[in-house]
N, C-alpha and C. Protein backbone atom coordinates (compact mmCIF):
# COMPACT_ATOMS: atom_id res chain seq x y z
N LEU A 1 -5.57 3.45 -81.97
CA LEU A 1 -5.32 4.30 -80.83
C LEU A 1 -4.10 3.49 -80.31
N ALA A 2 -4.68 2.79 -79.98
CA ALA A 2 -2.84 2.33 -79.08
C ALA A 2 -1.61 2.82 -80.21
N GLN A 3 -1.78 2.13 -81.50
CA GLN A 3 -0.80 2.27 -82.11
C GLN A 3 -0.05 3.48 -82.49
N GLU A 4 -0.97 4.74 -82.20
CA GLU A 4 -0.75 5.80 -82.43
C GLU A 4 0.03 6.24 -80.63
N ILE A 5 -0.52 5.80 -79.73
CA ILE A 5 0.15 6.32 -78.66
C ILE A 5 1.87 5.92 -78.60
N PHE A 6 2.27 4.55 -78.93
CA PHE A 6 3.00 3.90 -78.48
C PHE A 6 4.19 4.32 -79.72
N SER A 7 3.51 4.18 -80.98
CA SER A 7 4.64 5.51 -81.98
C SER A 7 4.56 6.89 -81.73
N SER A 8 3.98 7.51 -80.98
CA SER A 8 4.38 8.87 -80.58
C SER A 8 5.57 8.68 -79.64
N GLY A 9 5.55 7.72 -78.79
CA GLY A 9 6.48 7.57 -77.72
C GLY A 9 5.63 8.34 -76.37
N ARG A 10 4.36 9.17 -76.41
CA ARG A 10 4.08 9.29 -75.05
C ARG A 10 2.48 8.93 -74.75
N VAL A 11 2.42 8.53 -73.46
CA VAL A 11 1.81 7.59 -72.59
C VAL A 11 0.53 8.94 -72.13
N PRO A 12 -0.52 8.57 -72.69
CA PRO A 12 -1.67 9.65 -71.93
C PRO A 12 -1.70 9.57 -70.26
N LEU A 13 -1.52 10.34 -69.24
CA LEU A 13 -1.71 10.74 -68.22
C LEU A 13 -2.95 9.49 -67.58
N LEU A 14 -4.15 10.07 -68.60
CA LEU A 14 -5.74 9.56 -68.43
C LEU A 14 -5.51 8.32 -67.67
N ALA A 15 -4.75 7.48 -68.90
CA ALA A 15 -4.88 6.15 -68.91
C ALA A 15 -4.17 5.40 -67.86
N PHE A 16 -3.78 6.43 -66.94
CA PHE A 16 -3.05 5.78 -65.44
C PHE A 16 -3.35 6.14 -64.41
N SER A 17 -4.52 7.52 -64.67
CA SER A 17 -4.71 8.23 -63.48
C SER A 17 -5.83 7.41 -62.43
N GLU A 18 -6.88 6.43 -62.92
CA GLU A 18 -7.99 5.77 -62.14
C GLU A 18 -7.45 5.02 -61.36
N PRO A 19 -6.40 3.85 -61.39
CA PRO A 19 -5.73 2.95 -60.90
C PRO A 19 -4.41 3.58 -59.82
N LEU A 20 -4.22 4.67 -60.21
CA LEU A 20 -3.17 5.48 -59.33
C LEU A 20 -4.05 5.91 -58.06
N ARG A 21 -5.14 6.55 -58.56
CA ARG A 21 -6.48 6.74 -57.52
C ARG A 21 -6.35 5.99 -56.48
N ARG A 22 -6.47 4.69 -56.65
CA ARG A 22 -7.10 3.94 -56.11
C ARG A 22 -6.19 3.15 -55.06
N ARG A 23 -4.82 3.36 -55.56
CA ARG A 23 -3.88 2.70 -55.13
C ARG A 23 -3.51 3.81 -53.96
N THR A 24 -3.51 4.92 -54.26
CA THR A 24 -3.05 5.84 -53.47
C THR A 24 -4.22 5.82 -52.05
N GLY A 25 -5.29 5.97 -52.60
CA GLY A 25 -6.62 5.82 -51.10
C GLY A 25 -6.27 4.34 -50.16
N SER A 26 -6.12 3.28 -51.02
CA SER A 26 -5.43 2.31 -50.09
C SER A 26 -4.46 2.24 -49.42
N MET A 27 -3.44 2.91 -49.85
CA MET A 27 -2.09 3.26 -48.78
C MET A 27 -2.44 4.02 -48.15
N ALA A 28 -3.46 5.17 -48.20
CA ALA A 28 -4.05 6.12 -46.96
C ALA A 28 -4.45 5.14 -45.97
N SER A 29 -5.32 4.39 -46.45
CA SER A 29 -6.11 3.60 -45.40
C SER A 29 -5.65 2.49 -44.29
N VAL A 30 -4.32 2.11 -45.36
CA VAL A 30 -3.58 1.18 -44.28
C VAL A 30 -3.16 2.09 -43.28
N GLN A 31 -2.18 3.32 -43.99
CA GLN A 31 -1.41 4.10 -43.01
C GLN A 31 -1.86 4.54 -41.64
N GLN A 32 -3.23 4.69 -42.13
CA GLN A 32 -3.98 5.27 -40.69
C GLN A 32 -4.44 4.10 -40.44
N VAL A 33 -4.75 2.69 -40.32
CA VAL A 33 -4.76 1.78 -39.54
C VAL A 33 -3.60 2.17 -38.61
N ARG A 34 -2.45 1.55 -39.74
CA ARG A 34 -1.47 1.52 -38.93
C ARG A 34 -0.88 3.02 -37.64
N ARG A 35 -1.51 4.04 -38.38
CA ARG A 35 -1.06 5.39 -37.08
C ARG A 35 -1.93 4.73 -35.69
N GLN A 36 -3.20 4.44 -36.23
CA GLN A 36 -4.13 3.86 -34.98
C GLN A 36 -3.55 2.83 -34.01
N ALA A 37 -2.79 2.04 -34.38
CA ALA A 37 -2.48 0.54 -33.91
C ALA A 37 -1.33 1.47 -33.16
N GLY A 38 -0.69 2.06 -33.93
CA GLY A 38 0.71 2.68 -32.77
C GLY A 38 0.34 3.57 -31.83
N ARG A 39 -0.92 4.77 -31.70
CA ARG A 39 -1.64 5.03 -30.56
C ARG A 39 -2.23 4.08 -29.55
N SER A 40 -2.42 3.28 -30.21
CA SER A 40 -3.00 2.45 -29.12
C SER A 40 -1.79 1.33 -28.33
N ARG A 41 -0.96 1.43 -28.94
CA ARG A 41 0.31 0.80 -28.21
C ARG A 41 0.78 1.47 -27.15
N PHE A 42 1.32 2.94 -27.88
CA PHE A 42 1.58 4.16 -27.28
C PHE A 42 0.98 4.22 -26.16
N LEU A 43 -0.62 4.11 -25.92
CA LEU A 43 -1.26 4.84 -24.68
C LEU A 43 -1.33 3.38 -23.66
N ALA A 44 -0.99 1.84 -24.27
CA ALA A 44 -0.80 1.04 -23.31
C ALA A 44 0.92 1.06 -22.74
N LEU A 45 1.48 1.56 -23.03
CA LEU A 45 2.85 1.56 -22.49
C LEU A 45 2.74 2.82 -21.40
N SER A 46 2.20 3.70 -22.48
CA SER A 46 1.91 4.84 -21.32
C SER A 46 1.67 4.11 -19.73
N LEU A 47 0.55 3.50 -19.73
CA LEU A 47 -0.24 3.00 -18.60
C LEU A 47 0.74 2.61 -17.93
N VAL A 48 1.58 1.75 -18.49
CA VAL A 48 2.28 0.71 -17.43
C VAL A 48 3.15 1.40 -17.00
N GLY A 49 4.03 2.45 -17.66
CA GLY A 49 4.98 3.60 -16.99
C GLY A 49 4.53 4.13 -15.96
N ILE A 50 3.38 4.96 -16.25
CA ILE A 50 3.02 5.37 -15.06
C ILE A 50 2.53 4.76 -13.82
N ALA A 51 2.42 3.26 -13.93
CA ALA A 51 2.31 2.62 -12.87
C ALA A 51 3.40 2.32 -12.32
N ALA A 52 3.92 1.97 -12.94
CA ALA A 52 6.01 1.46 -12.66
C ALA A 52 6.81 2.95 -11.96
N ILE A 53 6.09 3.98 -12.33
CA ILE A 53 6.68 5.11 -11.65
C ILE A 53 5.65 4.98 -10.31
N ALA A 54 4.88 5.23 -10.03
CA ALA A 54 3.93 5.64 -9.20
C ALA A 54 4.38 4.77 -8.28
N ALA A 55 4.35 3.02 -8.63
CA ALA A 55 4.83 1.97 -7.45
C ALA A 55 6.56 2.03 -7.13
N TRP A 56 7.26 2.76 -7.92
CA TRP A 56 8.30 3.34 -7.11
C TRP A 56 8.69 4.02 -6.24
N HIS A 57 7.73 5.05 -6.42
CA HIS A 57 7.66 6.32 -5.64
C HIS A 57 6.82 5.86 -4.13
N LEU A 58 5.89 5.15 -4.44
CA LEU A 58 4.74 4.53 -3.04
C LEU A 58 6.07 3.79 -2.49
N SER A 59 6.92 2.52 -2.85
CA SER A 59 7.43 2.16 -1.76
C SER A 59 8.80 2.53 -1.46
N SER A 60 9.29 3.99 -2.08
CA SER A 60 10.32 4.58 -1.64
C SER A 60 10.11 5.31 -0.22
N ALA A 61 8.94 5.37 0.26
CA ALA A 61 8.16 5.61 1.43
C ALA A 61 7.91 4.64 2.25
N THR A 62 7.61 3.51 1.69
CA THR A 62 7.49 2.35 2.83
C THR A 62 8.27 1.79 2.85
N SER A 63 8.43 0.62 3.98
CA SER A 63 9.53 -0.52 3.73
C SER A 63 8.87 -1.75 4.42
N SER A 64 9.63 -2.68 4.22
CA SER A 64 8.97 -3.95 4.91
C SER A 64 9.19 -4.14 6.47
N SER A 65 10.38 -3.38 6.94
CA SER A 65 10.24 -3.48 8.31
C SER A 65 9.86 -2.30 9.12
N PHE A 66 9.13 -1.51 8.70
CA PHE A 66 8.37 -0.53 9.38
C PHE A 66 8.94 0.71 9.85
N ALA A 67 9.85 0.76 8.85
CA ALA A 67 10.78 1.87 8.92
C ALA A 67 10.24 3.33 9.06
N ILE A 68 10.60 4.43 10.34
CA ILE A 68 9.99 5.67 10.46
C ILE A 68 10.23 6.56 9.00
N GLY A 69 9.53 7.22 8.68
CA GLY A 69 9.54 8.28 7.59
C GLY A 69 10.47 9.71 8.48
N SER A 70 10.67 10.01 7.46
CA SER A 70 11.27 11.61 7.87
C SER A 70 10.37 12.56 8.54
N SER A 71 10.99 13.46 9.14
CA SER A 71 10.18 14.61 9.95
C SER A 71 9.39 15.01 8.84
N GLY A 72 9.51 15.54 7.73
CA GLY A 72 8.12 16.09 6.80
C GLY A 72 7.46 15.05 6.23
N SER A 73 6.26 15.41 6.89
CA SER A 73 5.26 14.40 6.11
C SER A 73 4.39 14.89 5.02
N SER A 74 5.34 15.80 4.26
CA SER A 74 4.15 16.39 3.40
C SER A 74 4.60 15.39 2.55
N PRO A 75 5.85 15.39 1.67
CA PRO A 75 6.68 14.53 0.98
C PRO A 75 5.61 13.12 0.80
N LEU A 76 5.53 12.17 2.31
CA LEU A 76 4.85 11.21 2.30
C LEU A 76 3.93 11.11 1.75
N GLY A 77 2.58 12.13 2.37
CA GLY A 77 1.92 12.60 1.96
C GLY A 77 1.65 12.28 0.36
N ARG A 78 2.33 13.02 -0.29
CA ARG A 78 2.03 13.35 -1.78
C ARG A 78 2.18 11.63 -2.18
N ARG A 79 3.39 11.43 -1.73
CA ARG A 79 3.67 9.88 -2.69
C ARG A 79 2.02 8.76 -2.40
N MET A 80 1.67 9.19 -1.23
CA MET A 80 0.48 7.98 -0.79
C MET A 80 -0.60 8.82 -1.67
N ALA A 81 -0.63 9.60 -2.18
CA ALA A 81 -1.62 10.01 -2.72
C ALA A 81 -1.77 10.23 -3.91
N ALA A 82 -0.74 10.25 -4.79
CA ALA A 82 -0.33 9.55 -5.98
C ALA A 82 -0.05 8.45 -6.25
N GLY A 83 -0.13 7.45 -5.16
CA GLY A 83 -0.03 5.88 -4.93
C GLY A 83 -2.00 5.41 -5.13
N ALA A 84 -2.76 6.17 -4.88
CA ALA A 84 -4.01 5.81 -4.14
C ALA A 84 -4.71 5.05 -5.27
N VAL A 85 -4.25 5.58 -6.12
CA VAL A 85 -4.80 4.85 -7.81
C VAL A 85 -4.12 3.51 -8.01
N LEU A 86 -3.10 3.36 -7.63
CA LEU A 86 -2.53 2.47 -8.31
C LEU A 86 -2.73 0.87 -8.09
N PRO A 87 -2.92 0.55 -6.66
CA PRO A 87 -3.44 -0.79 -6.18
C PRO A 87 -4.54 -1.19 -7.21
N MET A 88 -5.55 -0.28 -7.48
CA MET A 88 -6.46 -0.60 -8.29
C MET A 88 -6.48 -0.85 -9.48
N LEU A 89 -5.67 -0.40 -10.03
CA LEU A 89 -4.84 -0.46 -11.65
C LEU A 89 -4.13 -2.03 -11.70
N LEU A 90 -3.13 -2.39 -10.26
CA LEU A 90 -2.50 -3.61 -10.38
C LEU A 90 -3.40 -4.65 -10.14
N GLY A 91 -4.38 -4.73 -9.15
CA GLY A 91 -5.43 -6.02 -8.86
C GLY A 91 -6.33 -6.01 -10.27
N ALA A 92 -6.80 -5.11 -11.10
CA ALA A 92 -6.79 -5.00 -12.61
C ALA A 92 -6.00 -6.31 -13.23
N GLN A 93 -4.76 -5.80 -13.22
CA GLN A 93 -3.92 -6.59 -14.10
C GLN A 93 -3.72 -8.10 -13.98
N GLU A 94 -3.88 -7.97 -12.79
CA GLU A 94 -3.67 -8.96 -12.21
C GLU A 94 -5.04 -10.01 -12.65
N ALA A 95 -5.91 -9.67 -12.62
CA ALA A 95 -7.17 -9.93 -12.91
C ALA A 95 -7.20 -10.32 -14.52
N ILE A 96 -6.87 -9.26 -15.39
CA ILE A 96 -6.66 -9.80 -16.87
C ILE A 96 -5.76 -10.71 -16.92
N ALA A 97 -4.52 -10.98 -15.93
CA ALA A 97 -3.53 -11.83 -16.40
C ALA A 97 -4.20 -13.44 -16.26
N MET A 98 -4.61 -13.58 -15.13
CA MET A 98 -5.14 -14.82 -14.86
C MET A 98 -5.74 -15.51 -15.35
N PRO A 99 -6.75 -15.92 -16.33
CA PRO A 99 -7.39 -16.54 -16.96
C PRO A 99 -6.46 -16.97 -17.99
N ARG A 100 -5.36 -16.39 -18.33
CA ARG A 100 -4.06 -16.94 -19.41
C ARG A 100 -2.99 -17.73 -18.72
N VAL A 101 -3.21 -17.70 -17.44
CA VAL A 101 -1.89 -18.70 -16.66
C VAL A 101 -2.35 -20.17 -17.11
N THR A 102 -1.53 -20.57 -17.53
CA THR A 102 -1.19 -21.95 -17.68
C THR A 102 -1.73 -23.05 -16.56
N ASP A 103 -0.97 -23.05 -15.40
CA ASP A 103 -1.37 -23.66 -14.14
C ASP A 103 -1.39 -22.64 -12.76
N ARG A 104 -3.07 -22.56 -12.89
CA ARG A 104 -3.38 -21.24 -12.06
C ARG A 104 -3.16 -21.69 -10.53
N ASP A 105 -3.27 -23.26 -10.14
CA ASP A 105 -2.88 -23.15 -8.81
C ASP A 105 -1.09 -22.84 -8.21
N VAL A 106 -0.77 -23.27 -9.35
CA VAL A 106 0.78 -22.98 -9.12
C VAL A 106 0.61 -21.32 -9.06
N TYR A 107 0.36 -20.67 -10.20
CA TYR A 107 0.47 -19.48 -10.05
C TYR A 107 0.27 -18.56 -8.92
N ILE A 108 -1.07 -19.60 -8.06
CA ILE A 108 -1.81 -18.57 -7.00
C ILE A 108 -0.87 -19.31 -5.93
N ASN A 109 -0.43 -20.37 -5.72
CA ASN A 109 0.57 -20.51 -4.41
C ASN A 109 1.42 -19.88 -4.28
N ASN A 110 2.41 -19.60 -5.53
CA ASN A 110 3.50 -18.58 -5.58
C ASN A 110 2.95 -17.38 -4.97
N ARG A 111 2.07 -16.56 -5.54
CA ARG A 111 1.89 -15.30 -5.28
C ARG A 111 1.17 -15.43 -3.54
N LYS A 112 0.47 -16.52 -3.30
CA LYS A 112 0.70 -16.14 -1.84
C LYS A 112 1.92 -16.66 -1.16
N LEU A 113 2.81 -17.34 -1.29
CA LEU A 113 4.12 -17.62 -0.40
C LEU A 113 4.31 -15.95 -0.50
N ALA A 114 4.59 -15.32 -1.63
CA ALA A 114 4.76 -13.82 -1.78
C ALA A 114 4.35 -13.01 -0.98
N LEU A 115 3.14 -12.85 -0.84
CA LEU A 115 2.45 -12.04 -0.40
C LEU A 115 1.64 -12.16 1.56
N VAL A 116 1.50 -13.17 1.51
CA VAL A 116 0.59 -13.30 2.81
C VAL A 116 1.67 -13.04 3.94
N PRO A 117 3.11 -13.57 3.88
CA PRO A 117 3.78 -12.98 4.71
C PRO A 117 4.01 -11.49 5.31
N ILE A 118 3.59 -10.83 4.13
CA ILE A 118 3.33 -9.27 4.58
C ILE A 118 2.34 -8.80 4.95
N PHE A 119 1.26 -9.60 4.56
CA PHE A 119 0.17 -9.61 5.53
C PHE A 119 0.16 -10.00 7.32
N LYS A 120 0.91 -11.16 7.10
CA LYS A 120 1.24 -11.58 9.02
C LYS A 120 2.32 -10.79 9.40
N GLN A 121 3.01 -9.63 8.56
CA GLN A 121 4.10 -8.63 9.37
C GLN A 121 3.38 -7.46 9.97
N GLY A 122 2.44 -7.29 8.86
CA GLY A 122 1.42 -6.19 8.98
C GLY A 122 0.48 -6.39 10.63
N MET A 123 0.06 -7.26 10.37
CA MET A 123 -1.22 -7.36 11.21
C MET A 123 -0.70 -8.07 12.72
N ASP A 124 0.25 -8.95 12.49
CA ASP A 124 1.49 -8.84 13.85
C ASP A 124 1.44 -7.46 14.61
N TYR A 125 2.14 -6.67 14.10
CA TYR A 125 2.52 -5.38 14.68
C TYR A 125 1.12 -4.33 14.74
N LEU A 126 -0.06 -4.78 13.66
CA LEU A 126 -0.69 -3.76 14.37
C LEU A 126 -1.39 -4.58 15.76
N GLU A 127 -1.85 -5.99 15.62
CA GLU A 127 -2.70 -6.01 17.09
C GLU A 127 -1.68 -5.49 18.01
N LYS A 128 -0.12 -6.03 18.22
CA LYS A 128 0.71 -5.59 19.49
C LYS A 128 0.59 -4.09 19.67
N LYS A 129 1.43 -3.23 18.79
CA LYS A 129 1.55 -1.62 18.74
C LYS A 129 0.32 -0.68 18.14
N GLY A 130 -0.80 -1.14 17.69
CA GLY A 130 -1.70 -0.46 17.00
C GLY A 130 -1.25 0.27 16.27
N ILE A 131 -1.93 1.42 15.93
CA ILE A 131 -1.75 2.52 14.70
C ILE A 131 -0.87 3.73 14.90
N ASP A 132 0.68 3.40 14.61
CA ASP A 132 1.42 4.43 15.52
C ASP A 132 2.02 5.02 14.47
N GLU A 133 3.37 5.55 14.17
CA GLU A 133 3.56 6.30 12.77
C GLU A 133 4.00 5.53 12.03
N ARG A 134 4.37 4.01 12.59
CA ARG A 134 5.43 2.84 11.62
C ARG A 134 4.23 2.02 10.98
N MET A 135 2.97 1.71 11.63
CA MET A 135 2.13 1.07 11.00
C MET A 135 1.16 1.60 9.82
N THR A 136 1.48 3.35 10.47
CA THR A 136 0.68 3.83 9.41
C THR A 136 1.52 4.45 7.77
N ALA A 137 2.77 4.09 8.21
CA ALA A 137 3.76 4.42 6.73
C ALA A 137 3.44 2.81 6.31
N PHE A 138 3.63 2.11 6.96
CA PHE A 138 3.49 0.43 6.44
C PHE A 138 2.26 0.10 5.63
N ALA A 139 1.35 0.76 6.11
CA ALA A 139 -0.33 0.22 5.58
C ALA A 139 -0.14 0.38 3.94
N PRO A 140 -0.06 1.70 3.54
CA PRO A 140 0.21 1.67 1.81
C PRO A 140 0.40 0.59 1.48
N LYS A 141 1.49 -0.03 1.89
CA LYS A 141 2.49 -1.40 1.28
C LYS A 141 1.38 -2.33 1.50
N MET A 142 0.85 -2.48 2.29
CA MET A 142 0.12 -3.52 2.81
C MET A 142 -1.39 -3.67 2.27
N TYR A 143 -1.96 -2.87 2.09
CA TYR A 143 -3.02 -2.34 0.81
C TYR A 143 -2.87 -2.68 -0.37
N ARG A 144 -1.82 -2.21 -1.09
CA ARG A 144 -1.26 -2.39 -2.49
C ARG A 144 -1.04 -3.89 -2.58
N LYS A 145 -0.85 -5.07 -1.88
CA LYS A 145 -0.31 -6.23 -1.56
C LYS A 145 -1.87 -6.94 -1.25
N MET A 146 -2.41 -6.57 -0.64
CA MET A 146 -4.19 -6.85 -0.46
C MET A 146 -4.96 -6.55 -1.95
N THR A 147 -4.64 -5.52 -2.68
CA THR A 147 -5.49 -5.55 -4.09
C THR A 147 -4.99 -6.49 -4.84
N LEU A 148 -3.52 -6.82 -4.82
CA LEU A 148 -2.67 -7.30 -5.86
C LEU A 148 -3.22 -9.13 -5.68
N TYR A 149 -3.47 -9.37 -4.52
CA TYR A 149 -3.96 -10.65 -3.65
C TYR A 149 -5.70 -11.27 -4.36
N ALA A 150 -6.04 -9.78 -4.43
CA ALA A 150 -7.45 -9.62 -4.94
C ALA A 150 -7.59 -10.37 -6.12
N GLY A 151 -6.36 -9.86 -6.75
CA GLY A 151 -6.77 -9.93 -8.56
C GLY A 151 -6.44 -11.41 -9.19
N LEU A 152 -6.16 -12.34 -8.26
CA LEU A 152 -5.84 -13.66 -8.11
C LEU A 152 -7.07 -14.28 -8.98
N PHE A 153 -7.87 -13.96 -8.08
CA PHE A 153 -9.36 -14.89 -7.64
C PHE A 153 -9.94 -14.49 -9.24
N SER A 154 -10.15 -13.96 -9.94
CA SER A 154 -10.65 -13.42 -11.18
C SER A 154 -11.05 -14.68 -12.25
N GLN A 155 -12.35 -14.98 -12.37
CA GLN A 155 -12.42 -16.21 -13.56
C GLN A 155 -12.19 -15.31 -15.21
N THR A 156 -12.40 -14.26 -14.57
CA THR A 156 -12.69 -13.77 -16.49
C THR A 156 -11.07 -12.53 -16.42
N GLU A 157 -11.02 -11.88 -17.55
CA GLU A 157 -10.24 -10.89 -18.02
C GLU A 157 -10.79 -9.75 -17.31
N GLN A 158 -11.84 -9.49 -16.28
CA GLN A 158 -12.23 -8.19 -15.85
C GLN A 158 -12.68 -8.77 -14.33
N PRO A 159 -12.50 -7.79 -13.46
CA PRO A 159 -12.27 -8.24 -12.12
C PRO A 159 -13.67 -8.39 -11.74
N ASP A 160 -13.82 -9.68 -11.60
CA ASP A 160 -15.35 -10.03 -11.31
C ASP A 160 -16.02 -9.55 -9.81
N ALA A 161 -16.88 -10.60 -9.56
CA ALA A 161 -17.52 -10.21 -8.03
C ALA A 161 -17.03 -10.31 -6.93
N THR A 162 -16.35 -11.45 -7.34
CA THR A 162 -14.91 -12.04 -5.97
C THR A 162 -14.12 -11.19 -5.84
N VAL A 163 -13.69 -10.99 -7.11
CA VAL A 163 -12.55 -9.65 -7.01
C VAL A 163 -12.51 -8.40 -6.42
N LYS A 164 -14.07 -8.21 -7.32
CA LYS A 164 -14.82 -6.68 -6.57
C LYS A 164 -15.07 -6.54 -5.06
N ARG A 165 -15.47 -7.78 -4.05
CA ARG A 165 -15.50 -7.90 -2.59
C ARG A 165 -14.50 -7.73 -2.31
N LEU A 166 -13.52 -8.41 -2.76
CA LEU A 166 -11.89 -8.18 -1.87
C LEU A 166 -11.56 -7.11 -2.13
N LEU A 167 -11.61 -6.68 -3.15
CA LEU A 167 -10.93 -4.88 -3.37
C LEU A 167 -12.00 -4.03 -2.57
N SER A 168 -13.03 -4.37 -2.04
CA SER A 168 -13.81 -3.38 -1.25
C SER A 168 -13.31 -3.52 0.42
N ASP A 169 -12.91 -5.07 0.66
CA ASP A 169 -12.63 -5.18 1.87
C ASP A 169 -11.48 -4.55 2.07
N SER A 170 -10.33 -4.34 0.48
CA SER A 170 -9.16 -3.81 1.06
C SER A 170 -9.37 -2.34 0.93
N GLU A 171 -10.37 -1.77 0.36
CA GLU A 171 -10.57 0.18 0.87
C GLU A 171 -11.02 -0.28 2.17
N VAL A 172 -11.99 -0.82 2.60
CA VAL A 172 -12.54 -0.43 4.31
C VAL A 172 -10.82 -0.77 5.12
N PHE A 173 -9.92 -1.61 5.09
CA PHE A 173 -9.29 -1.72 5.74
C PHE A 173 -8.22 -0.47 6.02
N LYS A 174 -7.87 0.05 4.63
CA LYS A 174 -7.10 1.29 4.72
C LYS A 174 -7.67 2.42 5.59
N ALA A 175 -9.43 2.35 4.96
CA ALA A 175 -9.93 3.25 5.66
C ALA A 175 -9.84 3.36 7.13
N ALA A 176 -9.83 2.64 7.47
CA ALA A 176 -9.99 1.92 9.21
C ALA A 176 -8.28 2.78 9.49
N ILE A 177 -7.42 2.29 8.54
CA ILE A 177 -6.18 2.70 9.20
C ILE A 177 -6.02 4.48 9.33
N ASP A 178 -6.59 5.02 8.56
CA ASP A 178 -6.49 5.76 7.68
C ASP A 178 -7.09 7.25 9.11
N LYS A 179 -8.58 6.42 9.71
CA LYS A 179 -8.69 7.11 10.35
C LYS A 179 -8.40 6.72 11.58
N GLY A 180 -7.42 5.95 12.08
CA GLY A 180 -6.58 5.53 13.09
C GLY A 180 -7.74 4.45 14.14
N SER A 181 -8.46 3.62 13.66
CA SER A 181 -9.33 2.55 14.17
C SER A 181 -8.29 1.31 14.13
N LYS A 182 -7.75 0.45 15.35
CA LYS A 182 -7.32 -0.23 15.32
C LYS A 182 -8.62 -1.52 15.54
N GLU A 183 -9.37 -1.63 16.06
CA GLU A 183 -10.39 -2.38 15.91
C GLU A 183 -11.07 -2.33 14.11
N ASP A 184 -11.26 -1.67 13.77
CA ASP A 184 -11.90 -1.73 12.70
C ASP A 184 -11.51 -2.09 11.34
N ALA A 185 -9.82 -1.87 11.62
CA ALA A 185 -8.63 -2.52 10.32
C ALA A 185 -8.41 -3.77 10.90
N VAL A 186 -8.72 -4.31 12.09
CA VAL A 186 -8.69 -6.14 12.45
C VAL A 186 -9.48 -6.71 11.55
N ALA A 187 -10.95 -6.02 11.91
CA ALA A 187 -11.71 -6.39 11.30
C ALA A 187 -12.14 -7.03 9.94
N ALA A 188 -11.47 -5.17 9.55
CA ALA A 188 -11.30 -5.15 7.79
C ALA A 188 -10.57 -6.36 7.29
N PHE A 189 -9.55 -6.55 8.05
CA PHE A 189 -8.48 -7.88 7.40
C PHE A 189 -9.13 -8.80 7.49
N GLU A 190 -9.64 -9.02 8.52
CA GLU A 190 -10.18 -10.70 8.72
C GLU A 190 -11.57 -10.76 7.50
N GLN A 191 -12.18 -9.64 7.55
CA GLN A 191 -13.37 -9.74 6.38
C GLN A 191 -12.64 -10.43 5.03
N PHE A 192 -11.72 -9.39 5.06
CA PHE A 192 -11.13 -9.86 3.48
C PHE A 192 -10.39 -11.26 3.43
N ARG A 193 -9.75 -11.61 4.63
CA ARG A 193 -9.46 -12.88 4.82
C ARG A 193 -10.53 -14.04 4.34
N THR A 194 -11.85 -13.80 5.25
CA THR A 194 -12.70 -15.07 5.25
C THR A 194 -13.40 -14.78 3.52
N HIS A 195 -12.86 -13.73 2.95
CA HIS A 195 -13.56 -13.37 1.79
C HIS A 195 -12.81 -14.65 0.43
N VAL A 196 -11.53 -14.74 1.03
CA VAL A 196 -10.83 -15.27 0.19
C VAL A 196 -11.35 -16.82 -0.41
N PRO A 197 -11.72 -17.10 -1.60
CA PRO A 197 -11.96 -18.34 -1.94
C PRO A 197 -11.56 -19.43 -1.15
N LYS A 198 -11.88 -20.99 -1.04
CA LYS A 198 -11.29 -21.79 -0.04
C LYS A 198 -10.84 -22.37 -1.38
N GLY A 199 -9.75 -23.04 -0.81
CA GLY A 199 -8.72 -23.59 -2.07
C GLY A 199 -7.52 -23.44 -1.57
N VAL A 200 -6.50 -23.28 -3.16
CA VAL A 200 -5.20 -22.73 -3.16
C VAL A 200 -4.97 -21.83 -2.46
N GLY A 201 -5.43 -20.50 -2.76
CA GLY A 201 -5.53 -19.48 -2.07
C GLY A 201 -5.89 -18.92 -0.53
N TYR A 202 -6.55 -19.82 0.05
CA TYR A 202 -7.16 -19.61 1.00
C TYR A 202 -5.61 -19.70 1.88
N PHE A 203 -5.84 -19.04 3.47
CA PHE A 203 -4.72 -18.88 4.21
C PHE A 203 -5.62 -18.26 5.85
N ASP A 204 -4.25 -18.74 6.73
CA ASP A 204 -4.33 -18.55 8.02
C ASP A 204 -3.60 -18.06 8.87
N LEU A 205 -3.50 -16.86 8.98
CA LEU A 205 -2.18 -15.75 9.64
C LEU A 205 -2.01 -16.87 10.72
N LYS A 206 -2.83 -17.47 11.33
CA LYS A 206 -2.46 -18.34 12.65
C LYS A 206 -1.81 -19.18 12.53
N VAL A 207 -1.96 -19.89 11.41
CA VAL A 207 -1.34 -21.34 10.97
C VAL A 207 -0.53 -21.60 9.91
N PRO A 208 0.80 -21.62 10.14
CA PRO A 208 2.01 -21.13 8.86
C PRO A 208 2.10 -22.01 7.93
N SER A 209 1.64 -22.78 8.02
CA SER A 209 1.66 -23.87 6.89
C SER A 209 0.23 -23.53 5.89
N THR A 210 -0.18 -22.42 6.30
CA THR A 210 -1.07 -22.39 4.88
C THR A 210 -0.57 -21.16 4.24
N TYR A 211 0.14 -20.94 4.31
CA TYR A 211 1.06 -19.76 3.80
C TYR A 211 2.61 -19.45 3.23
N GLU A 212 3.37 -20.62 4.28
CA GLU A 212 4.84 -20.59 4.64
C GLU A 212 4.76 -21.79 3.29
N ALA A 213 5.71 -21.72 2.61
CA ALA A 213 6.78 -23.05 1.59
C ALA A 213 7.00 -24.04 2.62
N PRO A 214 6.48 -25.45 2.59
CA PRO A 214 6.84 -26.79 3.40
C PRO A 214 8.29 -26.59 3.37
N PRO A 215 8.60 -27.54 4.54
CA PRO A 215 10.59 -27.53 4.55
C PRO A 215 10.92 -28.57 3.51
N PRO A 216 12.30 -28.08 2.89
CA PRO A 216 13.15 -28.84 1.87
C PRO A 216 13.17 -30.56 2.51
């Protein structure tokens, strides 16, 4: 039979059809896996992009110097509403990143030096001026920074009990500002501060050395 095949110069298609089907099926499986991985990467990048856009819009509505917004409150309200889900996402991202940090104490200290002065600025204004238009405009930024700070203290790649408690304190602070209660807002922030684990991340707004870099 082999001699007949090669002498005639024709190769029966049946002789190669079965291996061809196996290779085709294998290639299809590989392509399917690649498509699924591509969709996962696209979804992850999309979430990061949405978070970045929301952060930009929210930051444009507030400033670190308590700048008063424009007379039209509707655009500001829309930005604040759009950014409402962002802090929880950012706090979770901090929690995911923390177990992978090589030097945890150095990272927490650097974040403390960057974030706690914003808390100090906000609380100083709140205690002196109460909840006016400037404080209301600044509060979303301060709330967002509180959620970021909360995410620093997770021991796992998911928000643990400590992080969830700090995030809950942040929500209470935000709610107090929204309802215009200075006393409740001050108490909520103090609750947040005391729930920060003792150690490198702990701070006292009345003691600058606990959140400012030492002089050179």
